[in-house]
Structures are given as C-alpha cells and as structure tokens.
Amino acid sequence: MRKILFWISASALLIISQVATAETVKIGFVTTLTGGAGAIGNDMRDAVELALDHLGRKMAGSDVKMFYEDDTFKPDVGKQKTDKLVKKNKVHFVSGYIWSHVLMASRNSVVGKGPFMISSNAGPGPVAGKLCHEDFFSTSWQNDQTTMAMGEVLNQLGIKTLYIMAPNYAAGKNMVAGVTRTFKGNIVGKDMTKFPAQIDFSAELAKIRSAKPDAVFVFYPGKHGLQIIKQYAQAGLQGKIPFYSAFTVDSLNLPRLKGLAEGSLMTQFWAPDMDNAVNKRFVADYRKMTGRYPTFYAAQSYDTIMLINSAVEAVNGDLSNKAAMRTAMRKANFPSVRGPFKYGNNHFPIQNFYLRKVIKDSEGNFTTSIVKTVYTNHQDTYAKNCKMSW
C-alpha cells in the first residue's frame, strides 16, 4: 500500500510539474488592421479567433498567446512589427501577411532566426522558388496559380482578345504573369496602375472601350476591387465586355456592390459552399460570430492556426523540437477548410483551383459558389527553382 501511495504521489507531482512548466505557445500575426484595407485584416483576425475557440484556446494542453500587429499597408512598418515579434515578444510562429511587398520586406527578419514563418495570404514567386526555406510555409497559394486557372477558363470560353488591369506591385506582377502564362489568345492591352495611390481608373476604362476586347481581366484586392467594379459599370462597360477577376470580389465588398458583381466569374482555391465537414462548421460558426460570410482571407487564416496546432500537438507542446514540428507541418495532416491537400517541396500547397460565380443564397445574401474544378492537385511553377528536398 505504501508503494502504491508513493507512486501515485510521484505521478501527481510529475503531472503538476509538467503543467506548471508548460510553455505558452506564442503566435505573431501581422496584417493590416487600419485604413481602407483594415477590413481584410480584421476579417483574418476574426478567423484566427474562431480557430482558437474551436481548439478550446489551447494547443497540446498549453495556453496560446496571440500578438496582433498592424502593418498599416506599408513594407517598412510590417518589417518593424515583425522584428518586434521576433526580438521582443519571442514568438514561436510569425503568421499573417496580406501583401506580397510587406511579406518580402519582413521575410529575412524571421527565417533562420528561430520562429517559423507562415504566410496566411501573400505568395510571391521568390519565396516559392529560389528563396524557399525550411522554416517558411504557406496556407494559401503561390500568387500566379489562381490566375493561371483563370487563363485556362478564358481559353475554354473561347476568348480570343483580352485586356488586363492590375496594380503595379509584386502580387500584381505575379497575377499578370499567371494569366498570360496560360491564356492562348492575344492580349490587346495591359495597364499596371499605381498602388495603392490610384483609385480612379477612368483613363484605363476609356482605353478598354476603345480596344473592344472580347473580355477584361483584373486583379484588384480590397477597396480597389470595389472601385474598379463600380467604375466599370459607370463607364457603361458592364454587360458589353465580359469582366473576369481574381481576388477582386469577396464577401467584404459583395454587400456594398449591391448586385453589380452578380453572375461574375473568378477563380479561387476555396468557396464557402465547399462540401466538407470542416468547411461547413467554419462557415456556419463564422457567420454566427460575425454576421457575414467569411472571405478566402479568413479561410486561409483559419487554416494557419490549425497548421500550427498540428505542429504543437506532434511534439506534445515541446516547442524546442523544431525538426519534429517541421515534419508534422510538411504532412499537412490537419483539418483544412479546403479538404485534403499536400505540401510541395517548397512548402506551398498542392491543391485544387475552382471557377466561382457570384450568386444569391436562399436568404438573399450575395456569396460565391463553385461552378467547376479547373485544376486538380496543382503545383506552382516556381517549385522547380526551390532546392529544398525532404
């Protein structure tokens, strides 16, 4: 009996000691929380908070502490905030990043410095190719992929002449590269506009009217998407020249567009009506929490937290075991809103891409729905330039 009591006491002390010394999981999340693009960042933060709620606010029994930082849409500010997370807050994971130019400015402050870096949105070509790193992961896509899928759609629709508009920054250049890589017709015009300063597109729309292309393709995220669609209608082009887009129409601007985007087509890796249990729960609970449909930004941010949790669970909270956490994340064995997928050698998802259409749901709310699959298990073109293997 004494031996039994001794071992019970010793076990209890061990458990108490382990609980007492459990390390808090510290996660930094850099996004845009103020200004015109602040709606996107707050949408992402809402999804992070929902994911944490679904996990009981713990990972492998350890508490989770979030550090949200506002990059104010500026690369230099994003880098400063990233440096703070790494050096002062000593986070284990740095995540978020809407904008490719902010991510590129911040990358060297994280990779090789201790924490893992996980992009919840931005996917510039260099980090998928020559600048790939064992401590960098994406829960979204490489920028070119979504528009490569759109190029294929345009071919299928018999579009022969195309006019392209996009903002002149890293992601805009990648998006244009993607659609031009796969589109087989003639590009009769291309405008790379100032970003983020330019929100008046009247001059470019006049050029489109003159060129009379079979279709127009645009990439304009955030408030710029709202502006281009409104001005397209005001210029009398809606209904005359078909309008296709990527990352331009989302659940944040659909209510404000009031039907201007209804029926429009775009490509994406995800939609609210994806038929899997994880996504159904995510969309339903997100709508309960916020009163709106989640955007793809939110979906990717939710997956970010679930990816991190899979790494922490794999090592039972031992955050010093980076090798085992890296191995766990490479398996992509976590409940994703997109369903099963796998990581490529460059730590970017190999996944499906879909054609989506703006529709009204049964309650009269505008949302997007999947029309068909364009790519199955698609890997980005930059992976071949990544020397990493595992």
Protein backbone atom coordinates (compact mmCIF):
# COMPACT_ATOMS: atom_id res chain seq x y z
CA MET A 1 0.00 0.00 0.00
CA ARG A 2 2.86 2.38 0.84
CA LYS A 3 4.48 1.68 -2.54
CA ILE A 4 1.19 2.34 -4.35
CA LEU A 5 0.70 5.61 -2.46
CA PHE A 6 4.29 6.59 -3.23
CA TRP A 7 3.88 6.06 -6.97
CA ILE A 8 0.51 7.88 -7.01
CA SER A 9 2.10 10.84 -5.22
CA ALA A 10 5.14 10.82 -7.50
CA SER A 11 2.94 10.69 -10.60
CA ALA A 12 0.78 13.52 -9.32
CA LEU A 13 3.85 15.66 -8.65
CA LEU A 14 5.17 14.92 -12.14
CA ILE A 15 1.87 15.94 -13.73
CA ILE A 16 1.72 19.12 -11.65
CA SER A 17 5.32 19.90 -12.59
CA GLN A 18 4.62 19.39 -16.30
CA VAL A 19 1.55 21.62 -16.17
CA ALA A 20 3.43 24.27 -14.23
CA THR A 21 6.30 24.34 -16.71
CA ALA A 22 4.21 24.06 -19.91
CA GLU A 23 5.39 26.71 -22.33
CA THR A 24 2.83 29.14 -23.70
CA VAL A 25 2.54 28.95 -27.49
CA LYS A 26 3.24 32.45 -28.77
CA ILE A 27 1.96 33.37 -32.23
CA GLY A 28 2.51 36.66 -34.02
CA PHE A 29 0.04 37.74 -36.69
CA VAL A 30 0.99 40.65 -38.96
CA THR A 31 -1.83 42.10 -41.04
CA THR A 32 -3.50 45.39 -41.96
CA LEU A 33 -5.92 46.45 -39.24
CA THR A 34 -6.47 50.13 -40.04
CA GLY A 35 -7.22 52.24 -43.09
CA GLY A 36 -9.08 51.18 -46.21
CA ALA A 37 -7.58 47.68 -46.16
CA GLY A 38 -8.27 47.20 -42.45
CA ALA A 39 -11.45 45.27 -43.19
CA ILE A 40 -9.37 42.44 -44.67
CA GLY A 41 -7.06 42.24 -41.67
CA ASN A 42 -9.92 42.26 -39.20
CA ASP A 43 -11.62 39.52 -41.21
CA MET A 44 -8.45 37.46 -40.88
CA ARG A 45 -8.24 38.16 -37.14
CA ASP A 46 -11.85 37.05 -36.67
CA ALA A 47 -11.00 33.74 -38.33
CA VAL A 48 -7.95 33.27 -36.10
CA GLU A 49 -10.09 33.84 -33.02
CA LEU A 50 -12.69 31.36 -34.27
CA ALA A 51 -10.00 28.73 -34.86
CA LEU A 52 -8.70 29.24 -31.33
CA ASP A 53 -12.24 28.88 -29.98
CA HIS A 54 -12.59 25.62 -31.87
CA LEU A 55 -9.35 24.44 -30.21
CA GLY A 56 -10.50 25.45 -26.72
CA ARG A 57 -7.89 28.24 -26.74
CA LYS A 58 -5.14 25.67 -26.13
CA MET A 59 -2.65 23.62 -28.13
CA ALA A 60 -1.38 20.33 -26.71
CA GLY A 61 -2.70 21.49 -23.34
CA SER A 62 -0.67 24.71 -23.45
CA ASP A 63 -2.07 28.22 -23.40
CA VAL A 64 -1.90 30.23 -26.62
CA LYS A 65 -0.96 33.91 -26.68
CA MET A 66 -1.67 35.91 -29.84
CA PHE A 67 0.21 39.07 -30.79
CA TYR A 68 -1.63 41.03 -33.49
CA GLU A 69 0.37 43.71 -35.30
CA ASP A 70 -0.84 46.31 -37.81
CA ASP A 71 1.47 46.77 -40.81
CA THR A 72 -0.61 49.80 -41.95
CA PHE A 73 -0.20 48.56 -45.54
CA LYS A 74 3.48 49.59 -45.52
CA PRO A 75 6.50 47.29 -46.01
CA ASP A 76 8.77 49.21 -43.65
CA VAL A 77 6.14 49.17 -40.89
CA GLY A 78 5.50 45.47 -41.48
CA LYS A 79 9.20 44.76 -41.06
CA GLN A 80 9.35 46.81 -37.85
CA LYS A 81 6.39 44.93 -36.41
CA THR A 82 7.90 41.61 -37.47
CA ASP A 83 11.21 42.49 -35.80
CA LYS A 84 9.31 43.31 -32.61
CA LEU A 85 7.55 39.94 -32.63
CA VAL A 86 10.81 38.04 -33.11
CA LYS A 87 13.14 40.02 -30.87
CA LYS A 88 10.89 41.37 -28.11
CA ASN A 89 7.90 39.05 -27.93
CA LYS A 90 10.00 35.99 -28.87
CA VAL A 91 7.14 34.30 -30.67
CA HIS A 92 7.38 30.73 -31.92
CA PHE A 93 5.40 31.43 -35.11
CA VAL A 94 5.05 34.58 -37.22
CA SER A 95 1.99 34.47 -39.47
CA GLY A 96 -0.47 36.63 -41.39
CA TYR A 97 0.74 38.94 -44.23
CA ILE A 98 -1.83 40.07 -46.78
CA TRP A 99 0.54 41.92 -49.09
CA SER A 100 3.45 40.44 -51.04
CA HIS A 101 5.63 43.55 -50.70
CA VAL A 102 5.15 43.51 -46.91
CA LEU A 103 5.99 39.80 -46.73
CA MET A 104 9.12 40.25 -48.83
CA ALA A 105 10.29 43.11 -46.59
CA SER A 106 9.70 41.00 -43.46
CA ARG A 107 10.95 37.59 -44.58
CA ASN A 108 14.59 37.95 -43.53
CA SER A 109 13.55 39.05 -40.05
CA VAL A 110 12.05 35.59 -39.43
CA VAL A 111 13.50 32.75 -41.49
CA GLY A 112 16.67 31.44 -39.98
CA LYS A 113 16.11 33.50 -36.83
CA GLY A 114 14.24 30.86 -34.81
CA PRO A 115 10.48 31.13 -35.43
CA PHE A 116 8.53 29.53 -38.24
CA MET A 117 7.02 31.93 -40.76
CA ILE A 118 3.59 31.08 -42.14
CA SER A 119 2.01 33.21 -44.83
CA SER A 120 -1.76 33.32 -44.49
CA ASN A 121 -2.19 35.05 -47.85
CA ALA A 122 0.76 36.53 -49.78
CA GLY A 123 2.61 34.14 -52.08
CA PRO A 124 5.25 35.98 -54.13
CA GLY A 125 7.23 33.90 -56.59
CA PRO A 126 10.67 34.25 -54.97
CA VAL A 127 9.64 32.64 -51.65
CA ALA A 128 8.18 29.71 -53.57
CA GLY A 129 11.32 29.36 -55.66
CA LYS A 130 14.89 30.42 -55.02
CA LEU A 131 14.11 31.92 -51.60
CA CYS A 132 12.23 28.89 -50.28
CA HIS A 133 13.22 27.98 -46.73
CA GLU A 134 12.62 25.06 -44.40
CA ASP A 135 11.02 27.38 -41.84
CA PHE A 136 8.59 29.04 -44.27
CA PHE A 137 5.12 27.61 -45.01
CA SER A 138 2.07 28.90 -46.85
CA THR A 139 -1.57 28.18 -46.08
CA SER A 140 -2.80 29.93 -49.21
CA TRP A 141 -1.24 29.60 -52.70
CA GLN A 142 1.54 30.97 -54.84
CA ASN A 143 0.31 34.20 -56.47
CA ASP A 144 0.45 33.02 -60.09
CA GLN A 145 -1.66 29.89 -59.57
CA THR A 146 -5.12 31.42 -59.25
CA THR A 147 -4.73 33.48 -62.41
CA MET A 148 -3.20 30.59 -64.32
CA ALA A 149 -6.52 28.86 -63.66
CA MET A 150 -8.34 31.93 -65.00
CA GLY A 151 -6.28 31.80 -68.19
CA GLU A 152 -7.48 28.24 -68.70
CA VAL A 153 -11.09 29.32 -68.12
CA LEU A 154 -10.77 32.09 -70.70
CA ASN A 155 -9.47 29.56 -73.23
CA GLN A 156 -12.40 27.26 -72.51
CA LEU A 157 -14.82 30.15 -73.05
CA GLY A 158 -13.33 30.91 -76.44
CA ILE A 159 -11.94 34.33 -75.52
CA LYS A 160 -9.56 35.48 -78.26
CA THR A 161 -8.62 39.02 -77.18
CA LEU A 162 -8.04 40.15 -73.61
CA TYR A 163 -7.37 43.42 -71.80
CA ILE A 164 -5.58 43.19 -68.43
CA MET A 165 -5.52 45.57 -65.48
CA ALA A 166 -3.62 45.10 -62.21
CA PRO A 167 -1.76 47.18 -59.61
CA ASN A 168 1.95 47.64 -60.14
CA TYR A 169 3.46 45.77 -57.18
CA ALA A 170 4.81 42.28 -56.51
CA ALA A 171 1.47 40.44 -56.35
CA GLY A 172 0.06 42.34 -59.32
CA LYS A 173 3.03 41.36 -61.44
CA ASN A 174 2.66 37.71 -60.37
CA MET A 175 -1.07 37.71 -61.16
CA VAL A 176 -0.46 39.09 -64.64
CA ALA A 177 2.33 36.57 -65.19
CA GLY A 178 -0.06 33.77 -64.25
CA VAL A 179 -2.88 34.64 -66.65
CA THR A 180 -0.53 35.44 -69.53
CA ARG A 181 1.26 32.12 -68.99
CA THR A 182 -1.87 30.07 -69.77
CA PHE A 183 -4.08 32.34 -71.92
CA LYS A 184 -3.69 31.38 -75.58
CA GLY A 185 -5.31 34.40 -77.20
CA ASN A 186 -3.99 37.91 -77.82
CA ILE A 187 -3.50 40.46 -75.05
CA VAL A 188 -4.59 43.73 -76.68
CA GLY A 189 -3.88 45.97 -73.70
CA LYS A 190 -2.29 45.91 -70.25
CA ASP A 191 -2.31 48.60 -67.59
CA MET A 192 -0.27 48.32 -64.39
CA THR A 193 -1.66 51.09 -62.19
CA LYS A 194 -0.09 52.87 -59.22
CA PHE A 195 -0.67 51.05 -55.95
CA PRO A 196 -2.14 51.83 -53.52
CA ALA A 197 -2.48 55.50 -54.52
CA GLN A 198 -4.60 55.14 -57.65
CA ILE A 199 -8.32 54.51 -57.20
CA ASP A 200 -9.59 56.40 -60.28
CA PHE A 201 -9.50 54.13 -63.32
CA SER A 202 -11.39 56.29 -65.81
CA ALA A 203 -8.43 56.67 -68.18
CA GLU A 204 -7.81 52.93 -68.30
CA LEU A 205 -11.51 52.18 -68.80
CA ALA A 206 -11.60 54.60 -71.73
CA LYS A 207 -8.74 52.63 -73.32
CA ILE A 208 -10.71 49.40 -72.82
CA ARG A 209 -13.75 50.92 -74.54
CA SER A 210 -11.57 51.87 -77.49
CA ALA A 211 -9.78 48.49 -77.69
CA LYS A 212 -13.06 46.49 -77.69
CA PRO A 213 -11.56 43.23 -76.37
CA ASP A 214 -13.54 40.02 -76.03
CA ALA A 215 -13.02 40.22 -72.26
CA VAL A 216 -11.33 42.11 -69.43
CA PHE A 217 -9.35 40.51 -66.61
CA VAL A 218 -8.49 42.42 -63.44
CA PHE A 219 -6.74 41.81 -60.13
CA TYR A 220 -7.59 44.46 -57.51
CA PRO A 221 -7.77 43.40 -53.85
CA GLY A 222 -9.55 45.28 -51.06
CA LYS A 223 -11.13 48.69 -51.66
CA HIS A 224 -9.56 48.85 -55.11
CA GLY A 225 -11.76 45.92 -56.15
CA LEU A 226 -14.86 47.80 -55.04
CA GLN A 227 -13.78 50.85 -57.02
CA ILE A 228 -12.92 49.06 -60.27
CA ILE A 229 -16.24 47.21 -60.37
CA LYS A 230 -18.29 50.33 -59.65
CA GLN A 231 -16.39 52.37 -62.22
CA TYR A 232 -16.66 49.59 -64.80
CA ALA A 233 -20.45 49.83 -64.53
CA GLN A 234 -20.42 53.63 -64.50
CA ALA A 235 -18.35 53.62 -67.70
CA GLY A 236 -21.09 51.64 -69.42
CA LEU A 237 -18.92 48.56 -69.92
CA GLN A 238 -20.88 46.17 -67.74
CA GLY A 239 -22.89 43.79 -69.88
CA LYS A 240 -20.97 44.81 -73.01
CA ILE A 241 -17.48 43.46 -72.34
CA PRO A 242 -17.31 40.40 -70.03
CA PHE A 243 -15.45 41.06 -66.77
CA TYR A 244 -13.34 38.35 -65.09
CA SER A 245 -11.27 38.71 -61.94
CA ALA A 246 -9.15 37.20 -59.21
CA PHE A 247 -9.02 38.41 -55.59
CA THR A 248 -11.24 41.35 -56.56
CA VAL A 249 -14.69 40.20 -55.46
CA ASP A 250 -15.01 38.93 -51.88
CA SER A 251 -17.50 38.64 -49.05
CA LEU A 252 -16.46 42.04 -47.70
CA ASN A 253 -17.32 44.06 -50.79
CA LEU A 254 -20.23 41.99 -52.15
CA PRO A 255 -22.81 43.65 -49.83
CA ARG A 256 -21.60 47.09 -50.95
CA LEU A 257 -21.66 46.21 -54.64
CA LYS A 258 -25.43 45.57 -54.39
CA GLY A 259 -25.66 43.17 -57.29
CA LEU A 260 -23.10 44.79 -59.60
CA ALA A 261 -20.98 41.64 -59.35
CA GLU A 262 -23.84 39.11 -59.55
CA GLY A 263 -23.03 36.41 -62.07
CA SER A 264 -19.38 37.44 -62.38
CA LEU A 265 -16.76 34.71 -62.59
CA MET A 266 -13.43 34.34 -60.80
CA THR A 267 -11.01 31.56 -59.85
CA GLN A 268 -10.00 30.55 -56.34
CA PHE A 269 -8.86 27.57 -54.26
CA TRP A 270 -11.87 27.78 -51.93
CA ALA A 271 -15.51 28.83 -51.69
CA PRO A 272 -17.99 28.98 -48.79
CA ASP A 273 -20.01 26.10 -50.25
CA MET A 274 -17.17 23.58 -50.35
CA ASP A 275 -18.71 20.29 -49.27
CA ASN A 276 -16.62 19.04 -46.36
CA ALA A 277 -17.35 18.91 -42.62
CA VAL A 278 -14.54 21.28 -41.59
CA ASN A 279 -15.62 23.97 -44.03
CA LYS A 280 -19.30 23.66 -43.13
CA ARG A 281 -18.50 24.17 -39.46
CA PHE A 282 -16.13 27.03 -40.21
CA VAL A 283 -18.62 28.91 -42.41
CA ALA A 284 -21.58 28.35 -40.08
CA ASP A 285 -19.71 29.40 -36.93
CA TYR A 286 -18.07 32.34 -38.68
CA ARG A 287 -21.45 33.64 -39.80
CA LYS A 288 -22.81 33.25 -36.29
CA MET A 289 -19.86 35.15 -34.86
CA THR A 290 -19.68 37.98 -37.42
CA GLY A 291 -23.00 38.04 -39.25
CA ARG A 292 -21.28 37.72 -42.64
CA TYR A 293 -19.78 35.12 -44.92
CA PRO A 294 -16.04 34.54 -44.47
CA THR A 295 -13.64 35.60 -47.19
CA PHE A 296 -10.87 33.45 -48.60
CA TYR A 297 -8.56 35.57 -46.41
CA ALA A 298 -10.44 34.26 -43.39
CA ALA A 299 -10.38 30.67 -44.64
CA GLN A 300 -6.59 30.78 -45.06
CA SER A 301 -6.14 32.34 -41.60
CA TYR A 302 -8.25 29.63 -40.01
CA ASP A 303 -6.05 27.03 -41.68
CA THR A 304 -2.95 28.83 -40.40
CA ILE A 305 -3.94 28.21 -36.79
CA MET A 306 -4.87 24.59 -37.50
CA LEU A 307 -1.49 24.02 -39.18
CA ILE A 308 0.32 25.48 -36.18
CA ASN A 309 -1.76 23.33 -33.84
CA SER A 310 -0.77 20.20 -35.76
CA ALA A 311 2.89 21.05 -35.18
CA VAL A 312 2.45 21.75 -31.46
CA GLU A 313 0.39 18.59 -30.97
CA ALA A 314 3.01 16.50 -32.75
CA VAL A 315 5.66 17.42 -30.16
CA ASN A 316 3.24 17.43 -27.22
CA GLY A 317 3.99 21.08 -26.57
CA ASP A 318 7.80 20.76 -26.70
CA LEU A 319 8.40 23.88 -28.80
CA SER A 320 12.15 23.36 -28.76
CA ASN A 321 11.74 20.37 -31.11
CA LYS A 322 11.62 22.34 -34.34
CA ALA A 323 12.60 19.40 -36.53
CA ALA A 324 9.60 17.35 -35.42
CA MET A 325 7.27 20.35 -35.79
CA ARG A 326 8.56 20.95 -39.30
CA THR A 327 8.00 17.29 -40.19
CA ALA A 328 4.45 17.48 -38.84
CA MET A 329 3.60 20.58 -40.87
CA ARG A 330 5.01 19.05 -44.03
CA LYS A 331 2.43 16.27 -43.68
CA ALA A 332 -0.43 18.82 -43.86
CA ASN A 333 -2.34 16.48 -41.58
CA PHE A 334 -4.77 18.97 -40.10
CA PRO A 335 -8.47 19.77 -40.59
CA SER A 336 -8.38 22.20 -43.53
CA VAL A 337 -11.37 24.13 -44.86
CA ARG A 338 -10.30 23.11 -48.39
CA GLY A 339 -10.29 19.39 -47.60
CA PRO A 340 -7.20 17.20 -48.03
CA PHE A 341 -4.14 18.68 -49.72
CA LYS A 342 -0.40 18.16 -49.59
CA TYR A 343 2.67 20.36 -49.47
CA GLY A 344 5.14 20.61 -52.30
CA ASN A 345 8.89 20.62 -51.83
CA ASN A 346 8.73 24.41 -51.37
CA HIS A 347 6.11 24.25 -48.57
CA PHE A 348 3.33 25.66 -50.76
CA PRO A 349 0.06 23.72 -51.06
CA ILE A 350 -0.57 21.37 -53.95
CA GLN A 351 -4.32 21.81 -54.27
CA ASN A 352 -7.38 22.24 -56.47
CA PHE A 353 -8.47 25.51 -58.07
CA TYR A 354 -12.08 26.24 -58.94
CA LEU A 355 -14.17 28.54 -61.07
CA ARG A 356 -16.51 30.50 -58.78
CA LYS A 357 -19.64 32.54 -59.54
CA VAL A 358 -21.32 35.30 -57.55
CA ILE A 359 -24.84 34.20 -56.59
CA LYS A 360 -27.59 34.99 -54.10
CA ASP A 361 -28.16 32.46 -51.33
CA SER A 362 -31.60 31.36 -50.08
CA GLU A 363 -31.68 34.34 -47.70
CA GLY A 364 -30.89 36.88 -50.42
CA ASN A 365 -27.26 37.38 -49.40
CA PHE A 366 -24.60 37.63 -52.10
CA THR A 367 -21.90 34.98 -51.93
CA THR A 368 -19.78 32.83 -54.22
CA SER A 369 -20.36 29.26 -55.32
CA ILE A 370 -18.20 26.70 -57.11
CA VAL A 371 -19.04 26.16 -60.77
CA LYS A 372 -16.40 23.57 -61.64
CA THR A 373 -12.86 22.39 -60.95
CA VAL A 374 -10.24 23.98 -63.20
CA TYR A 375 -7.07 22.43 -61.77
CA THR A 376 -6.68 19.28 -59.69
CA ASN A 377 -3.65 18.93 -57.38
CA HIS A 378 -1.92 21.91 -58.97
CA GLN A 379 1.65 22.81 -58.03
CA ASP A 380 3.11 26.26 -58.66
CA THR A 381 5.66 26.82 -61.40
CA TYR A 382 8.31 28.18 -59.02
CA ALA A 383 8.70 24.93 -57.05
CA LYS A 384 11.23 23.69 -59.60
CA ASN A 385 13.55 26.54 -58.55
CA CYS A 386 13.42 25.52 -54.88
CA LYS A 387 16.45 23.43 -53.91
CA MET A 388 14.86 22.19 -50.70
CA SER A 389 14.02 18.49 -50.50
CA TRP A 390 12.61 16.32 -47.75
